[in-house]
Amino acid sequence: MAAAMRNLLVDLDRYTQAFRLFLERSTEHQSMQQFLEQQMPEVIARIGNGKSTINVLSIGSGAGEMDLQILSKIRARYPGVTINNDVIEPSASQISKYKEHVAQASNLENIKFTWHKETANEYESRMKAEKKTKKWDFIHMIQMLYYVKDIPATLRYFHSLLEPQGKLLIILVSGKSGWETLWRKHASSFPLEGFCSFISSGDFPRMLDSAGMKYHVYELPSHLDITSCFIEGDKDGELLLDFLTETIEFTKTAPPELKRQVMEELRKPGCSESRDGKVFFNSSLGVIVIEP
């Protein structure tokens, strides 16, 4: 009998391995960096006006690679200002890696870090229990809202913590990406424990309009080379399939019909495009910047 399908987050080591491979094979970080270079200066243009201290809240930071780039942009825009950065991250190993990155970095003068091993919901509960309502000049949530149970409530809470000139930045998969096509069709067949809901940037306008929030949406084109996914027995291909489906050893544990459907879907124009004998998955991102 075939092993039962299990969510990739059950095995954090394999998840990290799959995620690292995804970053190697995709242009995700490059497209985020392009956003930081081109649009970020305008996003943060007023968050620190007249302030001697800027407070930044990073939610779901992982190992902190993108966080440190964001902080360097804020530091460059407001030289000499003290930046207090609180990091909310539930994985102890990711916090440990983040601390290593900070120890190795050379451009973090005036930035003070405080790490909290907790989820966004746990942070909210702790603040409410302690009757604290600390305000923030900049809050960011990068690729983490999939793990939140009540997204509208979470957005309302963190939006309420913004200073008058503050910004809430969200990055997640685009509503025009292959993720949207693959997951809308097959999410109910994937093992979703820990992964609360599939959400893309396409879900935000309706949600934010109904909450009366002001926002801007940006599209970040990105792609992922998934050619190896179609090579039987290719270890990297199997890891990438695990990442795409959030399933441990998808090729070994998925029912044959589901595997056939997913592999077929991944080749379709809604998900991917073929170029020069390779298959590139559309892994585009959406960025939402919410005003106070």
Protein backbone atom coordinates (compact mmCIF):
# COMPACT_ATOMS: atom_id res chain seq x y z
CA MET A 1 0.00 0.00 0.00
CA ALA A 2 1.31 3.46 -0.93
CA ALA A 3 2.31 5.81 1.89
CA ALA A 4 -0.22 8.51 2.74
CA MET A 5 0.37 12.00 1.37
CA ARG A 6 1.79 14.34 4.00
CA ASN A 7 2.26 18.10 4.02
CA LEU A 8 5.80 19.28 3.34
CA LEU A 9 5.84 21.39 6.51
CA VAL A 10 5.78 18.19 8.59
CA ASP A 11 9.43 17.73 7.55
CA LEU A 12 11.07 21.15 7.95
CA ASP A 13 14.46 19.90 6.76
CA ARG A 14 12.98 18.68 3.46
CA TYR A 15 10.90 21.86 3.19
CA THR A 16 14.04 24.01 3.59
CA GLN A 17 15.90 21.84 1.05
CA ALA A 18 13.02 22.20 -1.45
CA PHE A 19 12.71 25.94 -0.82
CA ARG A 20 16.46 26.48 -1.35
CA LEU A 21 16.25 24.58 -4.65
CA PHE A 22 13.22 26.65 -5.65
CA LEU A 23 15.20 29.85 -5.02
CA GLU A 24 18.14 28.51 -7.06
CA ARG A 25 15.94 27.59 -10.03
CA SER A 26 13.58 30.58 -9.91
CA THR A 27 13.93 34.31 -10.43
CA GLU A 28 11.84 35.08 -7.32
CA HIS A 29 14.52 36.85 -5.29
CA GLN A 30 15.75 38.72 -8.38
CA SER A 31 12.24 40.01 -9.08
CA MET A 32 11.85 41.06 -5.41
CA GLN A 33 15.23 42.80 -5.58
CA GLN A 34 14.14 44.64 -8.71
CA PHE A 35 11.06 45.83 -6.83
CA LEU A 36 13.25 47.00 -3.94
CA GLU A 37 15.48 48.94 -6.34
CA GLN A 38 12.73 50.50 -8.45
CA GLN A 39 9.58 50.88 -6.33
CA MET A 40 10.75 50.65 -2.73
CA PRO A 41 12.18 54.21 -2.53
CA GLU A 42 8.68 55.59 -3.26
CA VAL A 43 7.01 53.13 -0.83
CA ILE A 44 9.22 54.25 2.10
CA ALA A 45 9.52 57.91 1.01
CA ARG A 46 7.58 59.30 3.98
CA ILE A 47 7.58 56.59 6.67
CA GLY A 48 10.38 58.23 8.69
CA ASN A 49 9.74 61.92 8.11
CA GLY A 50 10.74 63.92 11.18
CA LYS A 51 11.58 60.81 13.23
CA SER A 52 14.75 59.92 15.12
CA THR A 53 13.65 56.25 15.36
CA ILE A 54 11.90 54.08 12.77
CA ASN A 55 10.08 50.97 13.99
CA VAL A 56 9.90 48.01 11.58
CA LEU A 57 7.91 44.81 12.17
CA SER A 58 8.88 41.80 10.03
CA ILE A 59 6.38 38.94 10.05
CA GLY A 60 7.38 35.48 8.84
CA SER A 61 10.95 36.53 8.07
CA GLY A 62 12.53 33.13 7.44
CA ALA A 63 16.31 33.46 7.33
CA GLY A 64 16.06 37.22 6.79
CA GLU A 65 17.61 37.61 3.32
CA MET A 66 14.87 39.91 2.05
CA ASP A 67 14.46 41.59 5.44
CA LEU A 68 18.06 42.75 5.43
CA GLN A 69 17.69 44.21 1.96
CA ILE A 70 14.55 46.08 3.00
CA LEU A 71 16.32 47.41 6.10
CA SER A 72 19.30 48.58 4.02
CA LYS A 73 16.89 50.55 1.78
CA ILE A 74 15.28 52.21 4.82
CA ARG A 75 18.69 52.94 6.32
CA ALA A 76 19.89 54.52 3.04
CA ARG A 77 16.75 56.69 2.84
CA TYR A 78 17.06 57.84 6.50
CA PRO A 79 20.80 57.94 7.29
CA GLY A 80 21.67 58.24 10.98
CA VAL A 81 18.18 57.31 12.17
CA THR A 82 17.91 54.40 14.63
CA ILE A 83 15.89 51.47 13.23
CA ASN A 84 14.23 49.06 15.66
CA ASN A 85 13.38 45.81 13.87
CA ASP A 86 11.18 43.24 15.59
CA VAL A 87 11.21 39.87 13.82
CA ILE A 88 8.28 37.44 14.13
CA GLU A 89 9.29 33.94 12.95
CA PRO A 90 8.04 30.57 14.29
CA SER A 91 11.06 28.48 13.17
CA ALA A 92 14.01 28.39 15.59
CA SER A 93 16.38 27.21 12.83
CA GLN A 94 15.36 30.11 10.56
CA ILE A 95 15.91 32.60 13.40
CA SER A 96 19.34 31.06 13.95
CA LYS A 97 20.19 31.51 10.25
CA TYR A 98 18.88 35.10 10.37
CA LYS A 99 21.21 35.85 13.30
CA GLU A 100 24.12 34.39 11.31
CA HIS A 101 23.28 36.67 8.37
CA VAL A 102 23.22 39.68 10.71
CA ALA A 103 26.59 38.69 12.20
CA GLN A 104 28.10 38.50 8.70
CA ALA A 105 26.56 41.73 7.36
CA SER A 106 28.59 44.92 7.35
CA ASN A 107 25.98 47.64 6.75
CA LEU A 108 23.67 47.33 9.76
CA GLU A 109 24.86 50.24 11.92
CA ASN A 110 21.97 51.89 13.82
CA ILE A 111 19.73 48.81 13.37
CA LYS A 112 18.61 46.98 16.52
CA PHE A 113 17.10 43.50 16.19
CA THR A 114 14.68 41.70 18.49
CA TRP A 115 13.65 38.19 17.52
CA HIS A 116 10.41 36.51 18.62
CA LYS A 117 9.87 32.79 18.00
CA GLU A 118 6.13 32.95 17.29
CA THR A 119 3.51 33.17 14.56
CA ALA A 120 1.62 36.31 13.54
CA ASN A 121 -1.40 35.05 15.51
CA GLU A 122 0.72 34.35 18.58
CA TYR A 123 2.19 37.86 18.39
CA GLU A 124 -1.29 39.36 18.18
CA SER A 125 -2.50 37.26 21.14
CA ARG A 126 0.55 38.20 23.22
CA MET A 127 0.13 41.93 22.53
CA LYS A 128 -3.56 41.79 23.43
CA ALA A 129 -2.86 39.79 26.60
CA GLU A 130 -0.22 42.34 27.63
CA LYS A 131 -2.60 45.18 26.59
CA LYS A 132 0.09 46.61 24.31
CA THR A 133 -0.56 48.45 21.05
CA LYS A 134 2.87 49.37 19.74
CA LYS A 135 2.69 51.33 16.47
CA TRP A 136 4.95 50.65 13.50
CA ASP A 137 6.31 52.76 10.65
CA PHE A 138 6.74 49.77 8.36
CA ILE A 139 5.31 46.24 8.55
CA HIS A 140 6.02 43.55 5.99
CA MET A 141 4.67 40.04 5.36
CA ILE A 142 6.56 38.17 2.64
CA GLN A 143 5.15 34.83 1.44
CA MET A 144 3.53 34.05 4.81
CA LEU A 145 -0.22 34.71 4.63
CA TYR A 146 -0.89 31.13 3.43
CA TYR A 147 -0.23 30.02 7.02
CA VAL A 148 -2.77 32.37 8.63
CA LYS A 149 -6.26 31.08 9.48
CA ASP A 150 -8.26 34.33 9.31
CA ILE A 151 -6.57 36.58 6.75
CA PRO A 152 -9.04 39.53 6.82
CA ALA A 153 -8.86 39.68 10.65
CA THR A 154 -5.04 39.47 10.58
CA LEU A 155 -4.86 42.29 8.02
CA ARG A 156 -7.23 44.46 10.06
CA TYR A 157 -5.16 43.95 13.21
CA PHE A 158 -1.77 44.78 11.66
CA HIS A 159 -3.24 47.63 9.63
CA SER A 160 -4.44 49.12 12.93
CA LEU A 161 -0.81 49.17 14.16
CA LEU A 162 0.43 51.52 11.41
CA GLU A 163 1.70 54.99 12.23
CA PRO A 164 0.00 57.84 10.26
CA GLN A 165 2.73 57.69 7.55
CA GLY A 166 3.34 53.95 7.91
CA LYS A 167 3.04 51.23 5.25
CA LEU A 168 2.08 47.55 5.29
CA LEU A 169 3.85 45.60 2.53
CA ILE A 170 2.62 42.15 1.47
CA ILE A 171 4.30 39.88 -1.08
CA LEU A 172 2.71 36.62 -2.21
CA VAL A 173 1.99 34.67 -5.38
CA SER A 174 0.30 36.58 -8.18
CA GLY A 175 -3.30 35.95 -9.19
CA LYS A 176 -1.93 35.65 -12.74
CA SER A 177 0.66 32.98 -11.87
CA GLY A 178 0.83 29.25 -12.41
CA TRP A 179 0.28 28.82 -8.66
CA GLU A 180 -3.21 30.28 -9.12
CA THR A 181 -4.05 27.78 -11.87
CA LEU A 182 -2.49 24.74 -10.16
CA TRP A 183 -3.78 25.38 -6.65
CA ARG A 184 -7.31 26.53 -7.50
CA LYS A 185 -7.74 23.26 -9.36
CA HIS A 186 -5.91 20.77 -7.11
CA ALA A 187 -5.56 22.25 -3.59
CA SER A 188 -8.40 20.06 -2.26
CA SER A 189 -6.31 16.98 -3.22
CA PHE A 190 -3.11 18.15 -1.50
CA PRO A 191 -2.43 17.46 2.22
CA LEU A 192 -2.91 20.91 3.76
CA GLU A 193 -2.20 20.55 7.48
CA GLY A 194 -0.31 23.70 8.54
CA PHE A 195 -1.08 25.36 5.22
CA CYS A 196 -4.32 27.17 6.05
CA SER A 197 -5.51 28.50 2.73
CA PHE A 198 -4.40 29.25 -0.79
CA ILE A 199 -4.45 32.99 -1.42
CA SER A 200 -3.00 35.09 -4.23
CA SER A 201 -2.76 38.79 -5.00
CA GLY A 202 -5.97 38.41 -7.02
CA ASP A 203 -7.93 37.93 -3.78
CA PHE A 204 -6.86 41.25 -2.29
CA PRO A 205 -8.79 44.01 -4.11
CA ARG A 206 -12.17 42.62 -3.01
CA MET A 207 -10.93 41.96 0.54
CA LEU A 208 -9.32 45.39 0.98
CA ASP A 209 -12.12 47.30 -0.75
CA SER A 210 -14.66 45.74 1.62
CA ALA A 211 -12.46 46.78 4.57
CA GLY A 212 -12.18 50.33 3.17
CA MET A 213 -8.37 50.20 3.00
CA LYS A 214 -6.25 52.20 0.55
CA TYR A 215 -3.68 50.16 -1.37
CA HIS A 216 -1.50 49.77 -4.47
CA VAL A 217 -0.89 46.48 -6.32
CA TYR A 218 2.29 45.67 -8.26
CA GLU A 219 2.98 42.66 -10.49
CA LEU A 220 6.46 41.07 -10.33
CA PRO A 221 7.15 38.69 -13.24
CA SER A 222 9.11 35.59 -12.18
CA HIS A 223 9.64 32.07 -13.49
CA LEU A 224 10.89 28.70 -12.26
CA ASP A 225 12.71 26.11 -14.38
CA ILE A 226 10.74 22.88 -13.77
CA THR A 227 12.25 20.86 -16.64
CA SER A 228 13.69 18.32 -14.18
CA CYS A 229 10.18 17.61 -12.82
CA PHE A 230 9.45 15.70 -16.04
CA ILE A 231 12.56 13.49 -15.81
CA GLU A 232 11.63 10.23 -14.09
CA GLY A 233 13.69 9.68 -10.93
CA ASP A 234 15.42 13.09 -11.02
CA LYS A 235 16.00 14.01 -7.35
CA ASP A 236 15.84 17.78 -7.93
CA GLY A 237 12.69 17.34 -10.00
CA GLU A 238 11.08 15.39 -7.17
CA LEU A 239 12.04 18.07 -4.65
CA LEU A 240 10.56 20.82 -6.83
CA LEU A 241 7.33 18.83 -7.20
CA ASP A 242 7.22 18.56 -3.41
CA PHE A 243 7.50 22.34 -3.21
CA LEU A 244 4.90 22.98 -5.92
CA THR A 245 2.36 20.68 -4.23
CA GLU A 246 3.39 21.20 -0.55
CA THR A 247 3.61 17.39 -0.34
CA ILE A 248 6.44 15.17 0.96
CA GLU A 249 7.59 12.85 -1.86
CA PHE A 250 4.66 13.74 -4.08
CA THR A 251 5.80 11.44 -6.91
CA LYS A 252 5.83 8.42 -4.56
CA THR A 253 2.72 9.13 -2.45
CA ALA A 254 0.22 10.85 -4.77
CA PRO A 255 -2.49 8.65 -6.32
CA PRO A 256 -1.54 7.91 -9.97
CA GLU A 257 -4.50 9.87 -11.35
CA LEU A 258 -3.68 12.99 -9.28
CA LYS A 259 -0.03 12.75 -10.32
CA ARG A 260 -1.07 12.47 -13.99
CA GLN A 261 -3.38 15.50 -13.69
CA VAL A 262 -0.76 17.64 -11.92
CA MET A 263 1.99 16.78 -14.42
CA GLU A 264 -0.41 17.55 -17.27
CA GLU A 265 -1.46 20.84 -15.64
CA LEU A 266 2.16 21.90 -15.18
CA ARG A 267 2.74 21.75 -18.93
CA LYS A 268 -0.31 23.84 -19.83
CA PRO A 269 0.02 27.51 -20.90
CA GLY A 270 -1.93 28.62 -17.79
CA CYS A 271 0.92 27.28 -15.64
CA SER A 272 4.07 27.25 -17.72
CA GLU A 273 5.69 27.96 -21.05
CA SER A 274 8.20 25.90 -23.05
CA ARG A 275 11.34 27.61 -24.36
CA ASP A 276 14.47 26.08 -25.87
CA GLY A 277 13.51 22.58 -24.77
CA LYS A 278 12.89 23.69 -21.15
CA VAL A 279 9.68 24.17 -19.16
CA PHE A 280 9.33 27.40 -17.14
CA PHE A 281 6.61 27.63 -14.49
CA ASN A 282 5.03 31.09 -14.09
CA SER A 283 5.99 31.89 -10.49
CA SER A 284 5.11 35.60 -10.69
CA LEU A 285 4.50 37.53 -7.49
CA GLY A 286 2.05 40.19 -6.45
CA VAL A 287 2.96 43.05 -4.11
CA ILE A 288 0.30 44.91 -2.15
CA VAL A 289 1.22 48.11 -0.32
CA ILE A 290 -1.47 49.16 2.17
CA GLU A 291 -1.76 52.71 3.50
CA PRO A 292 -2.78 53.60 7.10
